[in-house]
N, C-alpha and C. Protein backbone atom coordinates (compact mmCIF):
# COMPACT_ATOMS: atom_id res chain seq x y z
N MET A 1 -30.97 -33.20 -15.32
CA MET A 1 -30.18 -32.00 -15.18
C MET A 1 -31.05 -30.78 -14.99
N GLU A 2 -32.21 -30.76 -15.60
CA GLU A 2 -33.11 -29.62 -15.49
C GLU A 2 -33.50 -29.37 -14.04
N ALA A 3 -33.66 -30.42 -13.24
CA ALA A 3 -34.04 -30.26 -11.84
C ALA A 3 -32.93 -29.60 -11.03
N GLU A 4 -31.70 -29.66 -11.53
CA GLU A 4 -30.57 -29.08 -10.82
C GLU A 4 -30.41 -27.59 -11.06
N ALA A 5 -31.01 -27.07 -12.10
CA ALA A 5 -30.82 -25.67 -12.46
C ALA A 5 -31.71 -24.76 -11.62
N ILE A 6 -31.23 -23.56 -11.39
CA ILE A 6 -32.05 -22.54 -10.73
C ILE A 6 -32.69 -21.74 -11.84
N THR A 7 -33.99 -21.77 -11.91
CA THR A 7 -34.69 -21.09 -13.00
C THR A 7 -34.82 -19.60 -12.74
N ALA A 8 -35.09 -18.87 -13.80
CA ALA A 8 -35.31 -17.43 -13.67
C ALA A 8 -36.49 -17.15 -12.76
N ALA A 9 -37.52 -17.99 -12.82
CA ALA A 9 -38.69 -17.80 -11.96
C ALA A 9 -38.33 -17.97 -10.49
N GLU A 10 -37.46 -18.94 -10.19
CA GLU A 10 -37.03 -19.14 -8.80
C GLU A 10 -36.23 -17.93 -8.31
N ARG A 11 -35.35 -17.42 -9.16
CA ARG A 11 -34.56 -16.25 -8.76
C ARG A 11 -35.46 -15.04 -8.54
N ALA A 12 -36.44 -14.86 -9.42
CA ALA A 12 -37.35 -13.71 -9.31
C ALA A 12 -38.20 -13.78 -8.05
N ALA A 13 -38.51 -14.99 -7.61
CA ALA A 13 -39.37 -15.18 -6.44
C ALA A 13 -38.64 -14.85 -5.14
N GLY A 14 -37.32 -14.69 -5.21
CA GLY A 14 -36.57 -14.37 -3.99
C GLY A 14 -35.94 -15.60 -3.40
N ARG A 15 -35.98 -15.73 -2.10
CA ARG A 15 -35.32 -16.82 -1.38
C ARG A 15 -35.86 -18.17 -1.84
N LEU A 16 -34.95 -19.05 -2.16
CA LEU A 16 -35.33 -20.40 -2.59
C LEU A 16 -35.63 -21.26 -1.37
N PRO A 17 -36.60 -22.18 -1.50
CA PRO A 17 -36.96 -23.00 -0.34
C PRO A 17 -35.80 -23.82 0.20
N GLU A 18 -34.86 -24.19 -0.65
CA GLU A 18 -33.72 -25.01 -0.21
C GLU A 18 -32.56 -24.17 0.28
N ALA A 19 -32.70 -22.85 0.24
CA ALA A 19 -31.59 -21.98 0.64
C ALA A 19 -31.29 -22.15 2.13
N ARG A 20 -30.02 -22.01 2.45
CA ARG A 20 -29.61 -22.09 3.85
C ARG A 20 -28.46 -21.13 4.10
N GLU A 21 -28.24 -20.86 5.36
CA GLU A 21 -27.16 -19.95 5.74
C GLU A 21 -25.83 -20.68 5.58
N ILE A 22 -24.92 -20.03 4.91
CA ILE A 22 -23.64 -20.64 4.59
C ILE A 22 -22.56 -19.57 4.60
N THR A 23 -21.34 -19.97 4.86
CA THR A 23 -20.20 -19.07 4.73
C THR A 23 -19.35 -19.57 3.57
N VAL A 24 -18.94 -18.64 2.72
CA VAL A 24 -18.23 -18.97 1.49
C VAL A 24 -16.88 -18.25 1.50
N ALA A 25 -15.86 -18.92 0.99
CA ALA A 25 -14.54 -18.30 0.87
C ALA A 25 -13.96 -18.57 -0.52
N PHE A 26 -13.31 -17.56 -1.05
CA PHE A 26 -12.54 -17.71 -2.28
C PHE A 26 -11.10 -17.35 -1.97
N ALA A 27 -10.18 -18.12 -2.53
CA ALA A 27 -8.76 -17.81 -2.46
C ALA A 27 -8.23 -17.82 -3.88
N ASP A 28 -7.55 -16.74 -4.25
CA ASP A 28 -6.97 -16.75 -5.59
C ASP A 28 -5.51 -16.33 -5.55
N VAL A 29 -4.78 -16.77 -6.55
CA VAL A 29 -3.35 -16.54 -6.65
C VAL A 29 -3.10 -15.08 -7.04
N VAL A 30 -2.21 -14.44 -6.33
CA VAL A 30 -1.83 -13.06 -6.63
C VAL A 30 -0.85 -13.07 -7.81
N GLY A 31 -1.08 -12.19 -8.77
CA GLY A 31 -0.13 -11.99 -9.86
C GLY A 31 -0.12 -13.06 -10.92
N LEU A 32 -1.25 -13.74 -11.12
CA LEU A 32 -1.27 -14.81 -12.12
C LEU A 32 -1.07 -14.27 -13.53
N THR A 33 -1.54 -13.09 -13.82
CA THR A 33 -1.35 -12.52 -15.16
C THR A 33 0.14 -12.40 -15.47
N GLU A 34 0.90 -11.88 -14.51
CA GLU A 34 2.34 -11.75 -14.69
C GLU A 34 3.00 -13.13 -14.79
N LEU A 35 2.56 -14.06 -13.96
CA LEU A 35 3.10 -15.42 -14.02
C LEU A 35 2.81 -16.05 -15.37
N GLY A 36 1.62 -15.77 -15.90
CA GLY A 36 1.22 -16.33 -17.19
C GLY A 36 2.13 -15.90 -18.32
N GLU A 37 2.75 -14.74 -18.18
CA GLU A 37 3.70 -14.28 -19.19
C GLU A 37 5.05 -14.97 -19.07
N LYS A 38 5.34 -15.52 -17.90
CA LYS A 38 6.64 -16.15 -17.66
C LYS A 38 6.59 -17.67 -17.74
N LEU A 39 5.43 -18.26 -17.41
CA LEU A 39 5.32 -19.71 -17.33
C LEU A 39 4.60 -20.29 -18.54
N GLN A 40 4.91 -21.53 -18.83
CA GLN A 40 4.20 -22.26 -19.87
C GLN A 40 2.83 -22.68 -19.34
N PRO A 41 1.86 -22.91 -20.22
CA PRO A 41 0.52 -23.29 -19.77
C PRO A 41 0.50 -24.52 -18.86
N ASP A 42 1.34 -25.51 -19.13
CA ASP A 42 1.35 -26.69 -18.27
C ASP A 42 1.89 -26.37 -16.88
N ASP A 43 2.80 -25.39 -16.78
CA ASP A 43 3.29 -24.96 -15.47
C ASP A 43 2.19 -24.22 -14.71
N LEU A 44 1.40 -23.41 -15.42
CA LEU A 44 0.26 -22.73 -14.79
C LEU A 44 -0.75 -23.75 -14.29
N GLU A 45 -0.98 -24.79 -15.08
CA GLU A 45 -1.91 -25.84 -14.66
C GLU A 45 -1.40 -26.53 -13.39
N ARG A 46 -0.11 -26.82 -13.34
CA ARG A 46 0.46 -27.45 -12.14
C ARG A 46 0.29 -26.54 -10.93
N LEU A 47 0.49 -25.25 -11.12
CA LEU A 47 0.31 -24.28 -10.04
C LEU A 47 -1.13 -24.31 -9.54
N ALA A 48 -2.09 -24.27 -10.46
CA ALA A 48 -3.51 -24.32 -10.08
C ALA A 48 -3.84 -25.62 -9.36
N ASN A 49 -3.27 -26.72 -9.83
CA ASN A 49 -3.50 -28.02 -9.18
C ASN A 49 -2.90 -28.06 -7.78
N ARG A 50 -1.73 -27.44 -7.60
CA ARG A 50 -1.13 -27.39 -6.26
C ARG A 50 -1.99 -26.59 -5.30
N LEU A 51 -2.57 -25.48 -5.78
CA LEU A 51 -3.47 -24.70 -4.94
C LEU A 51 -4.70 -25.52 -4.59
N ALA A 52 -5.28 -26.20 -5.56
CA ALA A 52 -6.47 -27.02 -5.30
C ALA A 52 -6.15 -28.13 -4.29
N THR A 53 -4.99 -28.74 -4.42
CA THR A 53 -4.59 -29.79 -3.48
C THR A 53 -4.41 -29.22 -2.08
N ALA A 54 -3.77 -28.07 -1.97
CA ALA A 54 -3.59 -27.43 -0.66
C ALA A 54 -4.94 -27.09 -0.04
N ALA A 55 -5.87 -26.61 -0.84
CA ALA A 55 -7.21 -26.28 -0.33
C ALA A 55 -7.96 -27.53 0.11
N ARG A 56 -7.88 -28.59 -0.68
CA ARG A 56 -8.54 -29.85 -0.28
C ARG A 56 -7.94 -30.38 1.02
N ASP A 57 -6.62 -30.31 1.14
CA ASP A 57 -5.95 -30.79 2.35
C ASP A 57 -6.34 -29.96 3.57
N ALA A 58 -6.55 -28.66 3.38
CA ALA A 58 -6.90 -27.78 4.50
C ALA A 58 -8.35 -27.94 4.93
N ALA A 59 -9.20 -28.39 4.03
CA ALA A 59 -10.64 -28.46 4.30
C ALA A 59 -10.99 -29.73 5.08
N ASN A 60 -11.35 -29.53 6.33
CA ASN A 60 -11.83 -30.62 7.18
C ASN A 60 -13.23 -30.26 7.64
N PRO A 61 -14.13 -31.26 7.77
CA PRO A 61 -15.51 -30.96 8.16
C PRO A 61 -15.56 -30.08 9.40
N PRO A 62 -16.43 -29.08 9.38
CA PRO A 62 -17.54 -28.83 8.46
C PRO A 62 -17.16 -28.05 7.21
N VAL A 63 -15.88 -27.74 7.02
CA VAL A 63 -15.45 -27.01 5.83
C VAL A 63 -15.37 -27.99 4.66
N ARG A 64 -15.86 -27.52 3.51
CA ARG A 64 -15.88 -28.37 2.32
C ARG A 64 -15.27 -27.64 1.13
N PHE A 65 -14.38 -28.32 0.43
CA PHE A 65 -13.83 -27.82 -0.83
C PHE A 65 -14.92 -27.96 -1.88
N VAL A 66 -15.24 -26.88 -2.60
CA VAL A 66 -16.28 -26.93 -3.62
C VAL A 66 -15.68 -27.12 -5.00
N LYS A 67 -14.75 -26.23 -5.37
CA LYS A 67 -14.19 -26.32 -6.72
C LYS A 67 -12.97 -25.43 -6.86
N SER A 68 -12.25 -25.68 -7.94
CA SER A 68 -11.21 -24.76 -8.36
C SER A 68 -11.69 -24.11 -9.65
N ILE A 69 -11.35 -22.84 -9.80
CA ILE A 69 -11.77 -22.05 -10.95
C ILE A 69 -10.52 -21.34 -11.45
N GLY A 70 -9.80 -21.96 -12.36
CA GLY A 70 -8.55 -21.37 -12.83
C GLY A 70 -7.56 -21.24 -11.70
N ASP A 71 -7.23 -20.00 -11.33
CA ASP A 71 -6.25 -19.76 -10.27
C ASP A 71 -6.90 -19.53 -8.92
N ALA A 72 -8.15 -19.93 -8.76
CA ALA A 72 -8.87 -19.70 -7.50
C ALA A 72 -9.51 -21.00 -7.01
N VAL A 73 -9.81 -21.02 -5.71
CA VAL A 73 -10.55 -22.14 -5.13
C VAL A 73 -11.71 -21.57 -4.31
N MET A 74 -12.76 -22.38 -4.20
CA MET A 74 -13.94 -22.00 -3.42
C MET A 74 -14.18 -23.06 -2.36
N LEU A 75 -14.38 -22.60 -1.12
CA LEU A 75 -14.71 -23.49 -0.01
C LEU A 75 -15.95 -22.94 0.68
N VAL A 76 -16.71 -23.82 1.33
CA VAL A 76 -17.91 -23.40 2.07
C VAL A 76 -17.96 -24.13 3.40
N SER A 77 -18.76 -23.56 4.30
CA SER A 77 -19.02 -24.21 5.59
C SER A 77 -20.31 -23.67 6.17
N SER A 78 -21.01 -24.53 6.87
CA SER A 78 -22.20 -24.08 7.60
C SER A 78 -21.81 -23.34 8.87
N GLN A 79 -20.53 -23.43 9.25
CA GLN A 79 -20.02 -22.76 10.45
C GLN A 79 -18.90 -21.80 10.04
N PRO A 80 -19.06 -20.52 10.32
CA PRO A 80 -18.08 -19.54 9.82
C PRO A 80 -16.70 -19.65 10.45
N THR A 81 -16.61 -19.91 11.74
CA THR A 81 -15.32 -19.90 12.40
C THR A 81 -14.35 -20.93 11.83
N PRO A 82 -14.77 -22.19 11.64
CA PRO A 82 -13.83 -23.15 11.04
C PRO A 82 -13.39 -22.75 9.63
N LEU A 83 -14.26 -22.11 8.87
CA LEU A 83 -13.87 -21.70 7.52
C LEU A 83 -12.84 -20.58 7.58
N VAL A 84 -13.04 -19.62 8.45
CA VAL A 84 -12.07 -18.52 8.58
C VAL A 84 -10.71 -19.07 9.00
N THR A 85 -10.67 -19.95 9.98
CA THR A 85 -9.37 -20.50 10.41
C THR A 85 -8.75 -21.38 9.32
N THR A 86 -9.58 -22.08 8.56
CA THR A 86 -9.06 -22.87 7.44
C THR A 86 -8.41 -21.96 6.40
N MET A 87 -9.00 -20.82 6.15
CA MET A 87 -8.43 -19.91 5.16
C MET A 87 -7.11 -19.31 5.66
N LEU A 88 -7.00 -19.07 6.95
CA LEU A 88 -5.72 -18.64 7.51
C LEU A 88 -4.69 -19.76 7.35
N ASP A 89 -5.11 -21.01 7.57
CA ASP A 89 -4.22 -22.15 7.36
C ASP A 89 -3.76 -22.23 5.90
N LEU A 90 -4.68 -21.94 4.97
CA LEU A 90 -4.35 -22.00 3.55
C LEU A 90 -3.31 -20.93 3.18
N VAL A 91 -3.43 -19.75 3.75
CA VAL A 91 -2.41 -18.71 3.52
C VAL A 91 -1.05 -19.21 4.01
N ASP A 92 -1.01 -19.82 5.20
CA ASP A 92 0.23 -20.36 5.74
C ASP A 92 0.77 -21.49 4.87
N SER A 93 -0.12 -22.36 4.41
CA SER A 93 0.27 -23.49 3.57
C SER A 93 0.87 -23.02 2.25
N ALA A 94 0.28 -21.99 1.66
CA ALA A 94 0.81 -21.46 0.40
C ALA A 94 2.24 -20.97 0.60
N SER A 95 2.45 -20.25 1.67
CA SER A 95 3.78 -19.73 1.96
C SER A 95 4.78 -20.86 2.21
N ALA A 96 4.37 -21.85 2.99
CA ALA A 96 5.26 -22.96 3.35
C ALA A 96 5.55 -23.89 2.18
N ASN A 97 4.66 -23.91 1.18
CA ASN A 97 4.81 -24.84 0.06
C ASN A 97 5.19 -24.15 -1.24
N ASP A 98 5.81 -22.99 -1.12
CA ASP A 98 6.33 -22.28 -2.28
C ASP A 98 5.27 -21.98 -3.34
N LEU A 99 4.07 -21.69 -2.88
CA LEU A 99 3.02 -21.21 -3.78
C LEU A 99 3.03 -19.68 -3.74
N PRO A 100 2.59 -19.04 -4.81
CA PRO A 100 2.48 -17.57 -4.74
C PRO A 100 1.52 -17.15 -3.64
N SER A 101 1.59 -15.89 -3.26
CA SER A 101 0.67 -15.36 -2.25
C SER A 101 -0.78 -15.51 -2.71
N LEU A 102 -1.66 -15.61 -1.73
CA LEU A 102 -3.09 -15.72 -2.01
C LEU A 102 -3.80 -14.48 -1.50
N ARG A 103 -4.92 -14.16 -2.13
CA ARG A 103 -5.88 -13.17 -1.64
C ARG A 103 -7.12 -13.97 -1.28
N ILE A 104 -7.66 -13.72 -0.09
CA ILE A 104 -8.80 -14.50 0.35
C ILE A 104 -9.93 -13.58 0.79
N GLY A 105 -11.14 -13.93 0.36
CA GLY A 105 -12.34 -13.21 0.75
C GLY A 105 -13.37 -14.16 1.31
N VAL A 106 -14.07 -13.73 2.36
CA VAL A 106 -15.06 -14.57 3.04
C VAL A 106 -16.33 -13.76 3.26
N ALA A 107 -17.48 -14.39 3.00
CA ALA A 107 -18.78 -13.74 3.22
C ALA A 107 -19.80 -14.80 3.61
N SER A 108 -20.85 -14.38 4.30
CA SER A 108 -21.90 -15.29 4.76
C SER A 108 -23.26 -14.80 4.31
N GLY A 109 -24.19 -15.73 4.22
CA GLY A 109 -25.56 -15.38 3.87
C GLY A 109 -26.31 -16.59 3.35
N SER A 110 -27.44 -16.33 2.76
CA SER A 110 -28.32 -17.37 2.27
C SER A 110 -27.91 -17.79 0.85
N ALA A 111 -27.75 -19.09 0.65
CA ALA A 111 -27.36 -19.62 -0.66
C ALA A 111 -28.00 -20.99 -0.85
N VAL A 112 -27.96 -21.45 -2.07
CA VAL A 112 -28.52 -22.75 -2.40
C VAL A 112 -27.46 -23.58 -3.12
N SER A 113 -27.48 -24.87 -2.85
CA SER A 113 -26.55 -25.78 -3.50
C SER A 113 -27.26 -26.52 -4.62
N ARG A 114 -26.62 -26.54 -5.78
CA ARG A 114 -27.13 -27.27 -6.94
C ARG A 114 -25.96 -27.97 -7.61
N ALA A 115 -26.10 -29.24 -7.84
CA ALA A 115 -25.09 -30.03 -8.57
C ALA A 115 -23.69 -29.84 -7.99
N GLY A 116 -23.60 -29.75 -6.66
CA GLY A 116 -22.31 -29.64 -5.99
C GLY A 116 -21.73 -28.24 -5.93
N ASP A 117 -22.40 -27.27 -6.55
CA ASP A 117 -21.93 -25.89 -6.53
C ASP A 117 -22.88 -25.07 -5.66
N TRP A 118 -22.51 -23.84 -5.37
CA TRP A 118 -23.33 -22.95 -4.54
C TRP A 118 -23.66 -21.68 -5.30
N PHE A 119 -24.86 -21.17 -5.06
CA PHE A 119 -25.35 -19.97 -5.73
C PHE A 119 -26.00 -19.07 -4.71
N GLY A 120 -25.76 -17.77 -4.83
CA GLY A 120 -26.38 -16.81 -3.93
C GLY A 120 -25.44 -15.66 -3.64
N ASN A 121 -25.97 -14.68 -2.93
CA ASN A 121 -25.22 -13.47 -2.63
C ASN A 121 -23.88 -13.73 -1.94
N PRO A 122 -23.78 -14.62 -0.95
CA PRO A 122 -22.47 -14.78 -0.30
C PRO A 122 -21.40 -15.31 -1.24
N VAL A 123 -21.80 -16.07 -2.25
CA VAL A 123 -20.84 -16.57 -3.23
C VAL A 123 -20.26 -15.40 -4.02
N ASN A 124 -21.14 -14.57 -4.55
CA ASN A 124 -20.70 -13.42 -5.33
C ASN A 124 -19.89 -12.45 -4.47
N LEU A 125 -20.37 -12.21 -3.25
CA LEU A 125 -19.70 -11.26 -2.37
C LEU A 125 -18.31 -11.76 -1.97
N ALA A 126 -18.18 -13.03 -1.62
CA ALA A 126 -16.87 -13.57 -1.24
C ALA A 126 -15.86 -13.43 -2.38
N SER A 127 -16.32 -13.65 -3.60
CA SER A 127 -15.45 -13.49 -4.76
C SER A 127 -14.98 -12.05 -4.90
N ARG A 128 -15.88 -11.10 -4.73
CA ARG A 128 -15.52 -9.67 -4.83
C ARG A 128 -14.61 -9.25 -3.67
N VAL A 129 -14.86 -9.79 -2.49
CA VAL A 129 -14.02 -9.46 -1.33
C VAL A 129 -12.60 -9.98 -1.56
N SER A 130 -12.46 -11.17 -2.12
CA SER A 130 -11.11 -11.70 -2.37
C SER A 130 -10.33 -10.79 -3.31
N ALA A 131 -11.01 -10.22 -4.29
CA ALA A 131 -10.34 -9.32 -5.23
C ALA A 131 -9.84 -8.05 -4.53
N ALA A 132 -10.46 -7.67 -3.43
CA ALA A 132 -10.07 -6.47 -2.68
C ALA A 132 -8.94 -6.74 -1.68
N ALA A 133 -8.68 -8.00 -1.39
CA ALA A 133 -7.68 -8.35 -0.37
C ALA A 133 -6.26 -8.10 -0.86
N ARG A 134 -5.41 -7.75 0.06
CA ARG A 134 -3.99 -7.61 -0.24
C ARG A 134 -3.34 -8.99 -0.27
N PRO A 135 -2.20 -9.12 -0.93
CA PRO A 135 -1.51 -10.41 -0.95
C PRO A 135 -1.25 -10.94 0.46
N GLY A 136 -1.59 -12.19 0.68
CA GLY A 136 -1.39 -12.83 1.97
C GLY A 136 -2.42 -12.51 3.02
N ALA A 137 -3.46 -11.77 2.64
CA ALA A 137 -4.47 -11.33 3.61
C ALA A 137 -5.78 -12.09 3.45
N VAL A 138 -6.49 -12.22 4.57
CA VAL A 138 -7.85 -12.77 4.58
C VAL A 138 -8.76 -11.61 4.96
N LEU A 139 -9.64 -11.22 4.03
CA LEU A 139 -10.63 -10.16 4.27
C LEU A 139 -11.99 -10.80 4.47
N VAL A 140 -12.72 -10.29 5.44
CA VAL A 140 -14.00 -10.87 5.83
C VAL A 140 -15.08 -9.80 5.79
N ALA A 141 -16.19 -10.11 5.13
CA ALA A 141 -17.33 -9.19 5.11
C ALA A 141 -17.99 -9.18 6.48
N ASP A 142 -18.65 -8.06 6.79
CA ASP A 142 -19.36 -7.96 8.08
C ASP A 142 -20.36 -9.08 8.29
N SER A 143 -20.92 -9.61 7.20
CA SER A 143 -21.88 -10.72 7.31
C SER A 143 -21.26 -11.92 7.99
N THR A 144 -19.96 -12.09 7.85
CA THR A 144 -19.24 -13.18 8.51
C THR A 144 -18.68 -12.74 9.85
N ARG A 145 -18.08 -11.56 9.88
CA ARG A 145 -17.47 -11.07 11.12
C ARG A 145 -18.46 -11.11 12.28
N ALA A 146 -19.71 -10.77 12.00
CA ALA A 146 -20.74 -10.70 13.04
C ALA A 146 -21.07 -12.06 13.65
N ILE A 147 -20.72 -13.15 12.96
CA ILE A 147 -21.12 -14.48 13.46
C ILE A 147 -19.94 -15.40 13.78
N VAL A 148 -18.72 -14.88 13.69
CA VAL A 148 -17.54 -15.68 14.06
C VAL A 148 -17.41 -15.66 15.58
N ASP A 149 -17.04 -16.81 16.14
CA ASP A 149 -16.85 -16.93 17.59
C ASP A 149 -15.81 -15.93 18.08
N ASP A 150 -16.15 -15.21 19.14
CA ASP A 150 -15.22 -14.23 19.70
C ASP A 150 -14.02 -14.88 20.38
N ASP A 151 -14.16 -16.13 20.79
CA ASP A 151 -13.07 -16.80 21.50
C ASP A 151 -12.28 -17.74 20.58
N ALA A 152 -12.23 -17.44 19.30
CA ALA A 152 -11.57 -18.31 18.33
C ALA A 152 -10.07 -18.05 18.19
N GLY A 153 -9.51 -17.14 18.99
CA GLY A 153 -8.08 -16.85 18.90
C GLY A 153 -7.72 -16.04 17.66
N LEU A 154 -8.63 -15.16 17.26
CA LEU A 154 -8.42 -14.35 16.07
C LEU A 154 -8.30 -12.88 16.44
N ARG A 155 -7.57 -12.15 15.63
CA ARG A 155 -7.44 -10.71 15.82
C ARG A 155 -8.04 -10.02 14.60
N TRP A 156 -8.86 -9.03 14.86
CA TRP A 156 -9.59 -8.35 13.79
C TRP A 156 -9.17 -6.89 13.70
N SER A 157 -9.14 -6.37 12.49
CA SER A 157 -8.94 -4.94 12.29
C SER A 157 -9.80 -4.50 11.11
N SER A 158 -10.34 -3.32 11.22
CA SER A 158 -11.19 -2.81 10.15
C SER A 158 -10.34 -2.50 8.92
N ALA A 159 -10.83 -2.95 7.78
CA ALA A 159 -10.18 -2.62 6.51
C ALA A 159 -10.91 -1.48 5.82
N GLY A 160 -12.07 -1.09 6.38
CA GLY A 160 -12.83 0.01 5.82
C GLY A 160 -14.03 -0.45 5.03
N ALA A 161 -14.73 0.53 4.47
CA ALA A 161 -15.90 0.26 3.63
C ALA A 161 -15.47 0.31 2.17
N TYR A 162 -15.77 -0.75 1.44
CA TYR A 162 -15.33 -0.88 0.06
C TYR A 162 -16.51 -0.84 -0.90
N ARG A 163 -16.28 -0.23 -2.05
CA ARG A 163 -17.20 -0.35 -3.18
C ARG A 163 -16.70 -1.54 -3.98
N LEU A 164 -17.52 -2.56 -4.07
CA LEU A 164 -17.14 -3.77 -4.78
C LEU A 164 -17.94 -3.88 -6.07
N LYS A 165 -17.31 -4.37 -7.10
CA LYS A 165 -17.94 -4.50 -8.41
C LYS A 165 -19.24 -5.30 -8.30
N GLY A 166 -20.31 -4.74 -8.83
CA GLY A 166 -21.59 -5.43 -8.85
C GLY A 166 -22.38 -5.36 -7.56
N VAL A 167 -21.85 -4.69 -6.54
CA VAL A 167 -22.53 -4.58 -5.25
C VAL A 167 -23.01 -3.13 -5.11
N SER A 168 -24.30 -2.96 -4.83
CA SER A 168 -24.90 -1.62 -4.88
C SER A 168 -24.43 -0.67 -3.78
N SER A 169 -24.10 -1.19 -2.62
CA SER A 169 -23.67 -0.30 -1.54
C SER A 169 -22.29 -0.73 -1.04
N LYS A 170 -21.65 0.17 -0.30
CA LYS A 170 -20.34 -0.16 0.26
C LYS A 170 -20.46 -1.33 1.23
N VAL A 171 -19.41 -2.12 1.29
CA VAL A 171 -19.37 -3.29 2.17
C VAL A 171 -18.25 -3.08 3.18
N ASN A 172 -18.58 -3.18 4.46
CA ASN A 172 -17.57 -3.09 5.52
C ASN A 172 -16.79 -4.40 5.58
N LEU A 173 -15.47 -4.26 5.54
CA LEU A 173 -14.59 -5.43 5.55
C LEU A 173 -13.64 -5.35 6.73
N SER A 174 -13.26 -6.54 7.22
CA SER A 174 -12.28 -6.64 8.30
C SER A 174 -11.17 -7.59 7.89
N ARG A 175 -9.95 -7.28 8.32
CA ARG A 175 -8.84 -8.21 8.17
C ARG A 175 -8.83 -9.11 9.38
N VAL A 176 -8.56 -10.37 9.14
CA VAL A 176 -8.47 -11.31 10.25
C VAL A 176 -7.09 -11.94 10.24
N ARG A 177 -6.56 -12.13 11.45
CA ARG A 177 -5.25 -12.75 11.64
C ARG A 177 -5.33 -13.63 12.87
N ARG A 178 -4.35 -14.47 13.02
CA ARG A 178 -4.26 -15.24 14.26
C ARG A 178 -3.82 -14.28 15.36
N ALA A 179 -4.38 -14.42 16.52
CA ALA A 179 -4.08 -13.49 17.62
C ALA A 179 -2.61 -13.52 18.01
N GLN A 180 -1.94 -14.66 17.90
CA GLN A 180 -0.56 -14.77 18.35
C GLN A 180 0.47 -14.41 17.29
N ALA A 181 0.07 -14.16 16.05
CA ALA A 181 1.03 -13.86 14.99
C ALA A 181 1.71 -12.51 15.23
N ALA A 182 2.99 -12.45 14.89
CA ALA A 182 3.75 -11.23 15.13
C ALA A 182 3.79 -10.30 13.92
N GLU A 183 3.77 -10.87 12.72
CA GLU A 183 3.84 -10.04 11.52
C GLU A 183 2.66 -10.34 10.61
N TYR A 184 2.17 -9.30 9.96
CA TYR A 184 0.99 -9.43 9.11
C TYR A 184 1.18 -8.65 7.83
N PRO A 185 0.47 -9.06 6.76
CA PRO A 185 0.51 -8.23 5.55
C PRO A 185 -0.11 -6.88 5.85
N VAL A 186 0.45 -5.86 5.30
CA VAL A 186 -0.09 -4.51 5.51
C VAL A 186 -0.95 -4.11 4.35
């Protein structure tokens, strides 16, 4: 197990030799605190399991389901475009399967995988971006927007520059939608 851990010395040295470019997405349930006041713990667990199942079902290679964390799920991909479209699919799946709305954040950068999990700036950033997203929206950091295929059938709009918790400078974010969709979360 010790070989799987990232040591303080490795973090202090900067980029890890095993680090690679990756795109990370987090999706979390909107309004879970309010739901927690209305639902029993076993109902909350079923809700979290339904989200995890929907995320696993949506994840097709090169997109990989990493884990569920309470009311959130984490997915990664070495290719940003398939992950972004998968997250749009997950928003649609939640709506179609009577799940609460999701907030989704996506970011790219250098990260390292240890024991099936991922560590690095894009992981932290994607989590913070998801917290900034409106219900039913997919927000993407510029680190991802810059590398998504232009011909992927997506429509982009600037969401502005955000101050995110734990991030030293403002982060430019974009909303992504399917190009053919008629209605979008505002």
